[in-house]
Amino acid sequence: GKLALEPGTKYGEAGRGFLRMNVAAPRATIEEG
């Protein structure tokens, strides 16, 4: 996908199975993401 998100385990083992996505960007960037 050529997309960088954050893996959930960065926030501890309790975050496994999750991703964190930053959506503070122009809508065009969000649509591309």
PDB file of all heavy atoms in Angstrom:
ATOM      1  N   GLY A   1       0.797  -1.225   0.000  1.00  0.00           N
ATOM      2  CA  GLY A   1       0.000   0.000   0.000  1.00  0.00           C
ATOM      3  C   GLY A   1       0.827   1.271   0.000  1.00  0.00           C
ATOM      4  O   GLY A   1       0.307   2.340  -0.294  1.00  0.00           O
ATOM      5  N   LYS A   2       2.109   1.150   0.390  1.00  0.00           N
ATOM      6  CA  LYS A   2       2.989   2.317   0.493  1.00  0.00           C
ATOM      7  C   LYS A   2       2.401   3.337   1.469  1.00  0.00           C
ATOM      8  O   LYS A   2       2.327   4.544   1.203  1.00  0.00           O
ATOM      9  CB  LYS A   2       3.222   2.976  -0.874  1.00  0.00           C
ATOM     10  CG  LYS A   2       3.808   2.043  -1.925  1.00  0.00           C
ATOM     11  CD  LYS A   2       5.201   1.562  -1.520  1.00  0.00           C
ATOM     12  CE  LYS A   2       5.821   0.668  -2.592  1.00  0.00           C
ATOM     13  NZ  LYS A   2       7.154   0.159  -2.199  1.00  0.00           N
ATOM     14  N   LEU A   3       1.997   2.820   2.637  1.00  0.00           N
ATOM     15  CA  LEU A   3       1.345   3.627   3.652  1.00  0.00           C
ATOM     16  C   LEU A   3       1.974   3.310   5.016  1.00  0.00           C
ATOM     17  O   LEU A   3       2.104   2.149   5.387  1.00  0.00           O
ATOM     18  CB  LEU A   3      -0.156   3.308   3.688  1.00  0.00           C
ATOM     19  CG  LEU A   3      -1.005   4.029   4.720  1.00  0.00           C
ATOM     20  CD1 LEU A   3      -1.057   5.526   4.448  1.00  0.00           C
ATOM     21  CD2 LEU A   3      -2.424   3.442   4.736  1.00  0.00           C
ATOM     22  N   ALA A   4       2.340   4.352   5.754  1.00  0.00           N
ATOM     23  CA  ALA A   4       2.961   4.178   7.065  1.00  0.00           C
ATOM     24  C   ALA A   4       1.977   4.525   8.167  1.00  0.00           C
ATOM     25  O   ALA A   4       1.600   5.690   8.335  1.00  0.00           O
ATOM     26  CB  ALA A   4       4.207   5.043   7.184  1.00  0.00           C
ATOM     27  N   LEU A   5       1.541   3.502   8.904  1.00  0.00           N
ATOM     28  CA  LEU A   5       0.741   3.681  10.109  1.00  0.00           C
ATOM     29  C   LEU A   5       1.545   3.135  11.288  1.00  0.00           C
ATOM     30  O   LEU A   5       2.609   2.549  11.104  1.00  0.00           O
ATOM     31  CB  LEU A   5      -0.602   2.959   9.997  1.00  0.00           C
ATOM     32  CG  LEU A   5      -1.498   3.314   8.808  1.00  0.00           C
ATOM     33  CD1 LEU A   5      -2.828   2.574   8.914  1.00  0.00           C
ATOM     34  CD2 LEU A   5      -1.733   4.808   8.705  1.00  0.00           C
ATOM     35  N   GLU A   6       1.016   3.298  12.496  1.00  0.00           N
ATOM     36  CA  GLU A   6       1.742   2.814  13.662  1.00  0.00           C
ATOM     37  C   GLU A   6       1.164   1.480  14.137  1.00  0.00           C
ATOM     38  O   GLU A   6      -0.068   1.348  14.276  1.00  0.00           O
ATOM     39  CB  GLU A   6       1.690   3.832  14.797  1.00  0.00           C
ATOM     40  CG  GLU A   6       2.538   5.055  14.493  1.00  0.00           C
ATOM     41  CD  GLU A   6       2.986   5.770  15.744  1.00  0.00           C
ATOM     42  OE1 GLU A   6       2.165   5.966  16.647  1.00  0.00           O
ATOM     43  OE2 GLU A   6       4.166   6.150  15.813  1.00  0.00           O
ATOM     44  N   PRO A   7       2.036   0.492  14.398  1.00  0.00           N
ATOM     45  CA  PRO A   7       1.561  -0.798  14.903  1.00  0.00           C
ATOM     46  C   PRO A   7       1.103  -0.687  16.346  1.00  0.00           C
ATOM     47  O   PRO A   7       1.687   0.044  17.160  1.00  0.00           O
ATOM     48  CB  PRO A   7       2.800  -1.690  14.776  1.00  0.00           C
ATOM     49  CG  PRO A   7       3.956  -0.746  14.897  1.00  0.00           C
ATOM     50  CD  PRO A   7       3.502   0.535  14.247  1.00  0.00           C
ATOM     51  N   GLY A   8       0.063  -1.444  16.679  1.00  0.00           N
ATOM     52  CA  GLY A   8      -0.528  -1.339  18.004  1.00  0.00           C
ATOM     53  C   GLY A   8       0.393  -1.695  19.148  1.00  0.00           C
ATOM     54  O   GLY A   8       0.272  -1.136  20.241  1.00  0.00           O
ATOM     55  N   THR A   9       1.338  -2.634  18.925  1.00  0.00           N
ATOM     56  CA  THR A   9       2.192  -3.050  20.035  1.00  0.00           C
ATOM     57  C   THR A   9       3.180  -1.960  20.444  1.00  0.00           C
ATOM     58  O   THR A   9       3.825  -2.077  21.483  1.00  0.00           O
ATOM     59  CB  THR A   9       2.969  -4.331  19.694  1.00  0.00           C
ATOM     60  OG1 THR A   9       3.712  -4.125  18.481  1.00  0.00           O
ATOM     61  CG2 THR A   9       2.033  -5.515  19.537  1.00  0.00           C
ATOM     62  N   LYS A  10       3.292  -0.900  19.648  1.00  0.00           N
ATOM     63  CA  LYS A  10       4.086   0.252  20.079  1.00  0.00           C
ATOM     64  C   LYS A  10       3.511   0.823  21.372  1.00  0.00           C
ATOM     65  O   LYS A  10       4.208   1.468  22.156  1.00  0.00           O
ATOM     66  CB  LYS A  10       4.105   1.307  18.984  1.00  0.00           C
ATOM     67  CG  LYS A  10       4.995   2.512  19.282  1.00  0.00           C
ATOM     68  CD  LYS A  10       5.089   3.437  18.083  1.00  0.00           C
ATOM     69  CE  LYS A  10       5.998   4.626  18.387  1.00  0.00           C
ATOM     70  NZ  LYS A  10       6.167   5.514  17.206  1.00  0.00           N
ATOM     71  N   TYR A  11       2.226   0.563  21.624  1.00  0.00           N
ATOM     72  CA  TYR A  11       1.526   1.087  22.791  1.00  0.00           C
ATOM     73  C   TYR A  11       1.350   0.035  23.874  1.00  0.00           C
ATOM     74  O   TYR A  11       0.518   0.184  24.770  1.00  0.00           O
ATOM     75  CB  TYR A  11       0.171   1.661  22.344  1.00  0.00           C
ATOM     76  CG  TYR A  11       0.374   2.746  21.327  1.00  0.00           C
ATOM     77  CD1 TYR A  11       0.507   2.430  19.967  1.00  0.00           C
ATOM     78  CD2 TYR A  11       0.537   4.067  21.694  1.00  0.00           C
ATOM     79  CE1 TYR A  11       0.773   3.406  19.025  1.00  0.00           C
ATOM     80  CE2 TYR A  11       0.796   5.051  20.756  1.00  0.00           C
ATOM     81  CZ  TYR A  11       0.917   4.717  19.431  1.00  0.00           C
ATOM     82  OH  TYR A  11       1.195   5.684  18.503  1.00  0.00           O
ATOM     83  N   GLY A  12       2.153  -1.012  23.761  1.00  0.00           N
ATOM     84  CA  GLY A  12       2.087  -2.102  24.713  1.00  0.00           C
ATOM     85  C   GLY A  12       1.423  -3.327  24.104  1.00  0.00           C
ATOM     86  O   GLY A  12       0.756  -3.255  23.075  1.00  0.00           O
ATOM     87  N   GLU A  13       1.622  -4.459  24.735  1.00  0.00           N
ATOM     88  CA  GLU A  13       1.064  -5.708  24.218  1.00  0.00           C
ATOM     89  C   GLU A  13      -0.458  -5.638  24.110  1.00  0.00           C
ATOM     90  O   GLU A  13      -1.059  -6.292  23.251  1.00  0.00           O
ATOM     91  CB  GLU A  13       1.483  -6.874  25.117  1.00  0.00           C
ATOM     92  CG  GLU A  13       1.049  -8.241  24.617  1.00  0.00           C
ATOM     93  CD  GLU A  13       1.607  -8.587  23.237  1.00  0.00           C
ATOM     94  OE1 GLU A  13       2.718  -8.120  22.899  1.00  0.00           O
ATOM     95  OE2 GLU A  13       0.915  -9.314  22.494  1.00  0.00           O
ATOM     96  N   ALA A  14      -1.084  -4.817  24.943  1.00  0.00           N
ATOM     97  CA  ALA A  14      -2.535  -4.673  24.889  1.00  0.00           C
ATOM     98  C   ALA A  14      -3.007  -4.019  23.589  1.00  0.00           C
ATOM     99  O   ALA A  14      -4.201  -4.052  23.276  1.00  0.00           O
ATOM    100  CB  ALA A  14      -3.031  -3.858  26.082  1.00  0.00           C
ATOM    101  N   GLY A  15      -2.079  -3.453  22.833  1.00  0.00           N
ATOM    102  CA  GLY A  15      -2.433  -2.842  21.555  1.00  0.00           C
ATOM    103  C   GLY A  15      -2.314  -3.782  20.367  1.00  0.00           C
ATOM    104  O   GLY A  15      -2.568  -3.365  19.221  1.00  0.00           O
ATOM    105  N   ARG A  16      -1.933  -5.015  20.613  1.00  0.00           N
ATOM    106  CA  ARG A  16      -1.780  -5.946  19.496  1.00  0.00           C
ATOM    107  C   ARG A  16      -3.113  -6.137  18.777  1.00  0.00           C
ATOM    108  O   ARG A  16      -4.158  -6.326  19.392  1.00  0.00           O
ATOM    109  CB  ARG A  16      -1.246  -7.297  19.977  1.00  0.00           C
ATOM    110  CG  ARG A  16      -0.923  -8.270  18.830  1.00  0.00           C
ATOM    111  CD  ARG A  16      -0.235  -9.522  19.331  1.00  0.00           C
ATOM    112  NE  ARG A  16       1.068  -9.254  19.921  1.00  0.00           N
ATOM    113  CZ  ARG A  16       2.184  -9.066  19.236  1.00  0.00           C
ATOM    114  NH1 ARG A  16       2.172  -9.115  17.901  1.00  0.00           N
ATOM    115  NH2 ARG A  16       3.333  -8.826  19.858  1.00  0.00           N
ATOM    116  N   GLY A  17      -3.065  -6.085  17.442  1.00  0.00           N
ATOM    117  CA  GLY A  17      -4.272  -6.211  16.646  1.00  0.00           C
ATOM    118  C   GLY A  17      -4.890  -4.883  16.274  1.00  0.00           C
ATOM    119  O   GLY A  17      -5.946  -4.841  15.647  1.00  0.00           O
ATOM    120  N   PHE A  18      -4.193  -3.784  16.639  1.00  0.00           N
ATOM    121  CA  PHE A  18      -4.680  -2.449  16.323  1.00  0.00           C
ATOM    122  C   PHE A  18      -3.627  -1.676  15.527  1.00  0.00           C
ATOM    123  O   PHE A  18      -2.438  -2.016  15.539  1.00  0.00           O
ATOM    124  CB  PHE A  18      -5.009  -1.669  17.600  1.00  0.00           C
ATOM    125  CG  PHE A  18      -6.219  -2.167  18.331  1.00  0.00           C
ATOM    126  CD1 PHE A  18      -6.135  -3.272  19.166  1.00  0.00           C
ATOM    127  CD2 PHE A  18      -7.452  -1.535  18.190  1.00  0.00           C
ATOM    128  CE1 PHE A  18      -7.249  -3.739  19.854  1.00  0.00           C
ATOM    129  CE2 PHE A  18      -8.571  -1.993  18.869  1.00  0.00           C
ATOM    130  CZ  PHE A  18      -8.474  -3.095  19.700  1.00  0.00           C
ATOM    131  N   LEU A  19      -4.079  -0.634  14.862  1.00  0.00           N
ATOM    132  CA  LEU A  19      -3.221   0.322  14.172  1.00  0.00           C
ATOM    133  C   LEU A  19      -3.635   1.719  14.596  1.00  0.00           C
ATOM    134  O   LEU A  19      -4.812   1.961  14.874  1.00  0.00           O
ATOM    135  CB  LEU A  19      -3.388   0.225  12.649  1.00  0.00           C
ATOM    136  CG  LEU A  19      -3.018  -1.072  11.953  1.00  0.00           C
ATOM    137  CD1 LEU A  19      -3.655  -1.098  10.563  1.00  0.00           C
ATOM    138  CD2 LEU A  19      -1.494  -1.202  11.848  1.00  0.00           C
ATOM    139  N   ARG A  20      -2.660   2.648  14.604  1.00  0.00           N
ATOM    140  CA  ARG A  20      -3.010   4.050  14.844  1.00  0.00           C
ATOM    141  C   ARG A  20      -2.782   4.848  13.564  1.00  0.00           C
ATOM    142  O   ARG A  20      -1.725   4.776  12.949  1.00  0.00           O
ATOM    143  CB  ARG A  20      -2.179   4.650  15.971  1.00  0.00           C
ATOM    144  CG  ARG A  20      -2.780   5.944  16.528  1.00  0.00           C
ATOM    145  CD  ARG A  20      -1.877   6.612  17.539  1.00  0.00           C
ATOM    146  NE  ARG A  20      -0.781   7.306  16.896  1.00  0.00           N
ATOM    147  CZ  ARG A  20       0.028   8.174  17.509  1.00  0.00           C
ATOM    148  NH1 ARG A  20      -0.152   8.440  18.803  1.00  0.00           N
ATOM    149  NH2 ARG A  20       1.017   8.761  16.862  1.00  0.00           N
ATOM    150  N   MET A  21      -3.803   5.628  13.198  1.00  0.00           N
ATOM    151  CA  MET A  21      -3.772   6.411  11.964  1.00  0.00           C
ATOM    152  C   MET A  21      -4.024   7.886  12.283  1.00  0.00           C
ATOM    153  O   MET A  21      -5.009   8.235  12.930  1.00  0.00           O
ATOM    154  CB  MET A  21      -4.839   5.913  10.991  1.00  0.00           C
ATOM    155  CG  MET A  21      -4.859   6.592   9.646  1.00  0.00           C
ATOM    156  SD  MET A  21      -6.202   5.924   8.599  1.00  0.00           S
ATOM    157  CE  MET A  21      -5.686   6.448   6.976  1.00  0.00           C
ATOM    158  N   ASN A  22      -3.139   8.746  11.823  1.00  0.00           N
ATOM    159  CA  ASN A  22      -3.247  10.190  12.016  1.00  0.00           C
ATOM    160  C   ASN A  22      -4.049  10.778  10.857  1.00  0.00           C
ATOM    161  O   ASN A  22      -3.632  10.680   9.696  1.00  0.00           O
ATOM    162  CB  ASN A  22      -1.837  10.788  12.072  1.00  0.00           C
ATOM    163  CG  ASN A  22      -1.824  12.290  12.162  1.00  0.00           C
ATOM    164  OD1 ASN A  22      -2.846  12.951  12.080  1.00  0.00           O
ATOM    165  ND2 ASN A  22      -0.635  12.844  12.332  1.00  0.00           N
ATOM    166  N   VAL A  23      -5.186  11.418  11.158  1.00  0.00           N
ATOM    167  CA  VAL A  23      -6.026  11.977  10.093  1.00  0.00           C
ATOM    168  C   VAL A  23      -6.040  13.504  10.118  1.00  0.00           C
ATOM    169  O   VAL A  23      -6.949  14.133   9.564  1.00  0.00           O
ATOM    170  CB  VAL A  23      -7.466  11.423  10.151  1.00  0.00           C
ATOM    171  CG1 VAL A  23      -7.459   9.925   9.891  1.00  0.00           C
ATOM    172  CG2 VAL A  23      -8.142  11.751  11.478  1.00  0.00           C
ATOM    173  N   ALA A  24      -5.031  14.118  10.719  1.00  0.00           N
ATOM    174  CA  ALA A  24      -4.908  15.578  10.712  1.00  0.00           C
ATOM    175  C   ALA A  24      -4.136  16.003   9.464  1.00  0.00           C
ATOM    176  O   ALA A  24      -2.955  16.359   9.508  1.00  0.00           O
ATOM    177  CB  ALA A  24      -4.221  16.075  11.971  1.00  0.00           C
ATOM    178  N   ALA A  25      -4.827  15.947   8.338  1.00  0.00           N
ATOM    179  CA  ALA A  25      -4.232  16.262   7.042  1.00  0.00           C
ATOM    180  C   ALA A  25      -5.355  16.707   6.109  1.00  0.00           C
ATOM    181  O   ALA A  25      -6.538  16.430   6.370  1.00  0.00           O
ATOM    182  CB  ALA A  25      -3.511  15.036   6.469  1.00  0.00           C
ATOM    183  N   PRO A  26      -5.010  17.386   5.011  1.00  0.00           N
ATOM    184  CA  PRO A  26      -6.048  17.779   4.050  1.00  0.00           C
ATOM    185  C   PRO A  26      -6.810  16.571   3.522  1.00  0.00           C
ATOM    186  O   PRO A  26      -6.273  15.458   3.453  1.00  0.00           O
ATOM    187  CB  PRO A  26      -5.240  18.461   2.938  1.00  0.00           C
ATOM    188  CG  PRO A  26      -4.004  18.934   3.601  1.00  0.00           C
ATOM    189  CD  PRO A  26      -3.680  17.907   4.644  1.00  0.00           C
ATOM    190  N   ARG A  27      -8.064  16.781   3.132  1.00  0.00           N
ATOM    191  CA  ARG A  27      -8.890  15.670   2.688  1.00  0.00           C
ATOM    192  C   ARG A  27      -8.249  14.914   1.533  1.00  0.00           C
ATOM    193  O   ARG A  27      -8.386  13.683   1.432  1.00  0.00           O
ATOM    194  CB  ARG A  27     -10.283  16.176   2.288  1.00  0.00           C
ATOM    195  CG  ARG A  27     -11.235  15.083   1.772  1.00  0.00           C
ATOM    196  CD  ARG A  27     -11.472  13.942   2.773  1.00  0.00           C
ATOM    197  NE  ARG A  27     -12.159  14.370   3.953  1.00  0.00           N
ATOM    198  CZ  ARG A  27     -13.468  14.396   4.107  1.00  0.00           C
ATOM    199  NH1 ARG A  27     -14.268  14.013   3.120  1.00  0.00           N
ATOM    200  NH2 ARG A  27     -14.010  14.778   5.243  1.00  0.00           N
ATOM    201  N   ALA A  28      -7.535  15.594   0.656  1.00  0.00           N
ATOM    202  CA  ALA A  28      -6.891  14.900  -0.459  1.00  0.00           C
ATOM    203  C   ALA A  28      -5.887  13.872   0.041  1.00  0.00           C
ATOM    204  O   ALA A  28      -5.766  12.769  -0.513  1.00  0.00           O
ATOM    205  CB  ALA A  28      -6.208  15.901  -1.391  1.00  0.00           C
ATOM    206  N   THR A  29      -5.165  14.212   1.113  1.00  0.00           N
ATOM    207  CA  THR A  29      -4.223  13.260   1.705  1.00  0.00           C
ATOM    208  C   THR A  29      -4.966  12.095   2.336  1.00  0.00           C
ATOM    209  O   THR A  29      -4.557  10.928   2.215  1.00  0.00           O
ATOM    210  CB  THR A  29      -3.359  13.963   2.762  1.00  0.00           C
ATOM    211  OG1 THR A  29      -2.596  15.002   2.152  1.00  0.00           O
ATOM    212  CG2 THR A  29      -2.405  12.976   3.433  1.00  0.00           C
ATOM    213  N   ILE A  30      -6.066  12.392   3.001  1.00  0.00           N
ATOM    214  CA  ILE A  30      -6.865  11.349   3.640  1.00  0.00           C
ATOM    215  C   ILE A  30      -7.409  10.385   2.594  1.00  0.00           C
ATOM    216  O   ILE A  30      -7.366   9.149   2.771  1.00  0.00           O
ATOM    217  CB  ILE A  30      -8.009  11.969   4.449  1.00  0.00           C
ATOM    218  CG1 ILE A  30      -7.469  12.947   5.506  1.00  0.00           C
ATOM    219  CG2 ILE A  30      -8.856  10.879   5.087  1.00  0.00           C
ATOM    220  CD1 ILE A  30      -6.493  12.345   6.472  1.00  0.00           C
ATOM    221  N   GLU A  31      -7.909  10.909   1.500  1.00  0.00           N
ATOM    222  CA  GLU A  31      -8.440  10.062   0.421  1.00  0.00           C
ATOM    223  C   GLU A  31      -7.348   9.173  -0.155  1.00  0.00           C
ATOM    224  O   GLU A  31      -7.586   7.992  -0.453  1.00  0.00           O
ATOM    225  CB  GLU A  31      -9.060  10.937  -0.657  1.00  0.00           C
ATOM    226  CG  GLU A  31     -10.346  11.628  -0.202  1.00  0.00           C
ATOM    227  CD  GLU A  31     -10.881  12.612  -1.224  1.00  0.00           C
ATOM    228  OE1 GLU A  31     -10.195  12.844  -2.256  1.00  0.00           O
ATOM    229  OE2 GLU A  31     -11.988  13.157  -1.004  1.00  0.00           O
ATOM    230  N   GLU A  32      -6.150   9.737  -0.302  1.00  0.00           N
ATOM    231  CA  GLU A  32      -5.034   8.933  -0.822  1.00  0.00           C
ATOM    232  C   GLU A  32      -4.662   7.844   0.175  1.00  0.00           C
ATOM    233  O   GLU A  32      -4.364   6.704  -0.223  1.00  0.00           O
ATOM    234  CB  GLU A  32      -3.835   9.830  -1.109  1.00  0.00           C
ATOM    235  CG  GLU A  32      -2.604   9.115  -1.628  1.00  0.00           C
ATOM    236  CD  GLU A  32      -2.790   8.448  -2.980  1.00  0.00           C
ATOM    237  OE1 GLU A  32      -3.716   8.845  -3.729  1.00  0.00           O
ATOM    238  OE2 GLU A  32      -2.019   7.510  -3.298  1.00  0.00           O
ATOM    239  N   GLY A  33      -4.674   8.168   1.453  1.00  0.00           N
ATOM    240  CA  GLY A  33      -4.369   7.166   2.465  1.00  0.00           C
ATOM    241  C   GLY A  33      -5.363   6.025   2.472  1.00  0.00           C
ATOM    242  O   GLY A  33      -4.987   4.854   2.593  1.00  0.00           O
TER     243      GLY A  33
END
